[in-house]
Amino acid sequence: MAKVSAIKKNQKRRKVVAQQAAKRAALKAVANDRSLSPEERFLAHLKLAELPRDGSKIRVRNRCELSGRPRGVYRKFKLSRIALRDLASIGQIPGMVKSSW
């Protein structure tokens, strides 16, 4: 089980990303628009820098929904490899069978 503080911090980041997504997208569009003057683009870059860093999507860490484990997480299931194997072994995931040979 991961530290509760790390899980909470990641949840907080997800919330900030959702709140800031529209504003960040608008500023990025202005900053990358080559038809605008360099001054306007530079101002957009400055406003982007003023936004909270945790509002950036790249700072969110994929974690297991059950254990909070940060590594070995399958995006499709949002589970770590260990939790996925345990659930597959007891038949909790439809269509998935643990292989043995």
C-alpha atoms as a PDB file:
ATOM      1  CA  MET A   1       0.000   0.000   0.000  1.00  0.00           C
ATOM      2  CA  ALA A   2       1.351   3.394  -0.976  1.00  0.00           C
ATOM      3  CA  LYS A   3       1.601   6.301   1.426  1.00  0.00           C
ATOM      4  CA  VAL A   4      -1.761   7.939   1.907  1.00  0.00           C
ATOM      5  CA  SER A   5      -0.185  11.370   1.490  1.00  0.00           C
ATOM      6  CA  ALA A   6       1.154  10.438  -1.965  1.00  0.00           C
ATOM      7  CA  ILE A   7      -2.269   9.190  -3.057  1.00  0.00           C
ATOM      8  CA  LYS A   8      -3.988  12.330  -1.764  1.00  0.00           C
ATOM      9  CA  LYS A   9      -1.420  14.574  -3.452  1.00  0.00           C
ATOM     10  CA  ASN A  10      -2.045  12.843  -6.771  1.00  0.00           C
ATOM     11  CA  GLN A  11      -5.820  13.204  -6.356  1.00  0.00           C
ATOM     12  CA  LYS A  12      -5.348  16.913  -5.656  1.00  0.00           C
ATOM     13  CA  ARG A  13      -3.254  17.240  -8.823  1.00  0.00           C
ATOM     14  CA  ARG A  14      -5.975  15.546 -10.886  1.00  0.00           C
ATOM     15  CA  LYS A  15      -8.502  18.053  -9.534  1.00  0.00           C
ATOM     16  CA  VAL A  16      -6.273  21.049 -10.334  1.00  0.00           C
ATOM     17  CA  VAL A  17      -5.626  19.708 -13.853  1.00  0.00           C
ATOM     18  CA  ALA A  18      -9.369  19.453 -14.459  1.00  0.00           C
ATOM     19  CA  GLN A  19      -9.931  23.004 -13.207  1.00  0.00           C
ATOM     20  CA  GLN A  20      -7.087  24.551 -15.226  1.00  0.00           C
ATOM     21  CA  ALA A  21      -7.491  22.535 -18.446  1.00  0.00           C
ATOM     22  CA  ALA A  22      -9.535  25.068 -20.422  1.00  0.00           C
ATOM     23  CA  LYS A  23      -7.408  28.045 -19.378  1.00  0.00           C
ATOM     24  CA  ARG A  24      -4.155  26.219 -20.183  1.00  0.00           C
ATOM     25  CA  ALA A  25      -5.454  25.112 -23.581  1.00  0.00           C
ATOM     26  CA  ALA A  26      -6.493  28.647 -24.518  1.00  0.00           C
ATOM     27  CA  LEU A  27      -3.134  30.130 -23.480  1.00  0.00           C
ATOM     28  CA  LYS A  28      -1.210  27.388 -25.291  1.00  0.00           C
ATOM     29  CA  ALA A  29      -3.208  28.035 -28.454  1.00  0.00           C
ATOM     30  CA  VAL A  30      -2.311  31.738 -28.308  1.00  0.00           C
ATOM     31  CA  ALA A  31       1.337  30.993 -27.490  1.00  0.00           C
ATOM     32  CA  ASN A  32       1.702  28.603 -30.437  1.00  0.00           C
ATOM     33  CA  ASP A  33      -0.168  30.751 -32.983  1.00  0.00           C
ATOM     34  CA  ARG A  34       2.478  31.981 -35.426  1.00  0.00           C
ATOM     35  CA  SER A  35       0.139  34.540 -36.993  1.00  0.00           C
ATOM     36  CA  LEU A  36       0.061  36.650 -33.805  1.00  0.00           C
ATOM     37  CA  SER A  37       2.686  39.200 -32.897  1.00  0.00           C
ATOM     38  CA  PRO A  38       5.648  38.076 -30.775  1.00  0.00           C
ATOM     39  CA  GLU A  39       4.544  40.370 -27.952  1.00  0.00           C
ATOM     40  CA  GLU A  40       1.130  38.705 -27.669  1.00  0.00           C
ATOM     41  CA  ARG A  41       2.684  35.256 -27.756  1.00  0.00           C
ATOM     42  CA  PHE A  42       5.213  36.248 -25.091  1.00  0.00           C
ATOM     43  CA  LEU A  43       2.423  37.549 -22.835  1.00  0.00           C
ATOM     44  CA  ALA A  44       0.619  34.217 -23.235  1.00  0.00           C
ATOM     45  CA  HIS A  45       3.817  32.422 -22.195  1.00  0.00           C
ATOM     46  CA  LEU A  46       4.087  34.630 -19.114  1.00  0.00           C
ATOM     47  CA  LYS A  47       0.469  33.934 -18.146  1.00  0.00           C
ATOM     48  CA  LEU A  48       1.101  30.202 -18.598  1.00  0.00           C
ATOM     49  CA  ALA A  49       4.064  30.447 -16.246  1.00  0.00           C
ATOM     50  CA  GLU A  50       1.874  32.109 -13.603  1.00  0.00           C
ATOM     51  CA  LEU A  51      -0.557  29.188 -13.511  1.00  0.00           C
ATOM     52  CA  PRO A  52       0.006  26.537 -10.822  1.00  0.00           C
ATOM     53  CA  ARG A  53       2.504  23.862 -11.802  1.00  0.00           C
ATOM     54  CA  ASP A  54       0.220  21.097 -10.572  1.00  0.00           C
ATOM     55  CA  GLY A  55      -2.264  22.180 -13.233  1.00  0.00           C
ATOM     56  CA  SER A  56      -0.075  20.577 -15.873  1.00  0.00           C
ATOM     57  CA  LYS A  57      -1.308  17.169 -17.022  1.00  0.00           C
ATOM     58  CA  ILE A  58       2.217  15.766 -17.084  1.00  0.00           C
ATOM     59  CA  ARG A  59       2.515  15.995 -13.290  1.00  0.00           C
ATOM     60  CA  VAL A  60      -0.277  13.481 -12.665  1.00  0.00           C
ATOM     61  CA  ARG A  61       1.049  10.020 -11.843  1.00  0.00           C
ATOM     62  CA  ASN A  62      -0.782   6.866 -12.916  1.00  0.00           C
ATOM     63  CA  ARG A  63      -1.511   4.909  -9.756  1.00  0.00           C
ATOM     64  CA  CYS A  64      -3.323   1.673  -9.002  1.00  0.00           C
ATOM     65  CA  GLU A  65      -6.921   2.269  -7.910  1.00  0.00           C
ATOM     66  CA  LEU A  66      -6.726  -0.465  -5.274  1.00  0.00           C
ATOM     67  CA  SER A  67      -3.284  -0.156  -3.738  1.00  0.00           C
ATOM     68  CA  GLY A  68      -1.969   3.216  -4.925  1.00  0.00           C
ATOM     69  CA  ARG A  69       1.130   1.557  -6.374  1.00  0.00           C
ATOM     70  CA  PRO A  70       2.835   3.984  -8.805  1.00  0.00           C
ATOM     71  CA  ARG A  71       4.690   1.472 -10.979  1.00  0.00           C
ATOM     72  CA  GLY A  72       3.525  -1.324 -13.227  1.00  0.00           C
ATOM     73  CA  VAL A  73       0.049   0.150 -13.753  1.00  0.00           C
ATOM     74  CA  TYR A  74      -2.055  -0.971 -16.719  1.00  0.00           C
ATOM     75  CA  ARG A  75      -3.905   2.044 -18.116  1.00  0.00           C
ATOM     76  CA  LYS A  76      -6.812   0.018 -19.449  1.00  0.00           C
ATOM     77  CA  PHE A  77      -7.678  -1.417 -16.032  1.00  0.00           C
ATOM     78  CA  LYS A  78      -6.179   1.308 -13.790  1.00  0.00           C
ATOM     79  CA  LEU A  79      -4.665  -1.513 -11.738  1.00  0.00           C
ATOM     80  CA  SER A  80      -1.123  -2.506 -10.926  1.00  0.00           C
ATOM     81  CA  ARG A  81       0.256  -5.742 -12.323  1.00  0.00           C
ATOM     82  CA  ILE A  82       0.022  -7.337  -8.882  1.00  0.00           C
ATOM     83  CA  ALA A  83      -3.596  -6.352  -8.230  1.00  0.00           C
ATOM     84  CA  LEU A  84      -4.535  -7.349 -11.779  1.00  0.00           C
ATOM     85  CA  ARG A  85      -3.027 -10.810 -11.333  1.00  0.00           C
ATOM     86  CA  ASP A  86      -4.786 -11.315  -7.999  1.00  0.00           C
ATOM     87  CA  LEU A  87      -8.175 -10.299  -9.389  1.00  0.00           C
ATOM     88  CA  ALA A  88      -7.687 -12.411 -12.522  1.00  0.00           C
ATOM     89  CA  SER A  89      -6.762 -15.452 -10.415  1.00  0.00           C
ATOM     90  CA  ILE A  90     -10.007 -15.330  -8.464  1.00  0.00           C
ATOM     91  CA  GLY A  91     -12.078 -14.601 -11.600  1.00  0.00           C
ATOM     92  CA  GLN A  92     -13.052 -11.000 -10.847  1.00  0.00           C
ATOM     93  CA  ILE A  93     -12.059  -9.680 -14.285  1.00  0.00           C
ATOM     94  CA  PRO A  94     -14.401 -10.937 -17.041  1.00  0.00           C
ATOM     95  CA  GLY A  95     -12.680 -12.742 -19.894  1.00  0.00           C
ATOM     96  CA  MET A  96      -9.276 -12.845 -18.230  1.00  0.00           C
ATOM     97  CA  VAL A  97      -7.770 -16.170 -17.257  1.00  0.00           C
ATOM     98  CA  LYS A  98      -4.434 -16.707 -15.584  1.00  0.00           C
ATOM     99  CA  SER A  99      -2.276 -18.721 -17.921  1.00  0.00           C
ATOM    100  CA  SER A 100      -0.480 -21.834 -16.790  1.00  0.00           C
ATOM    101  CA  TRP A 101       1.475 -24.399 -18.748  1.00  0.00           C
END
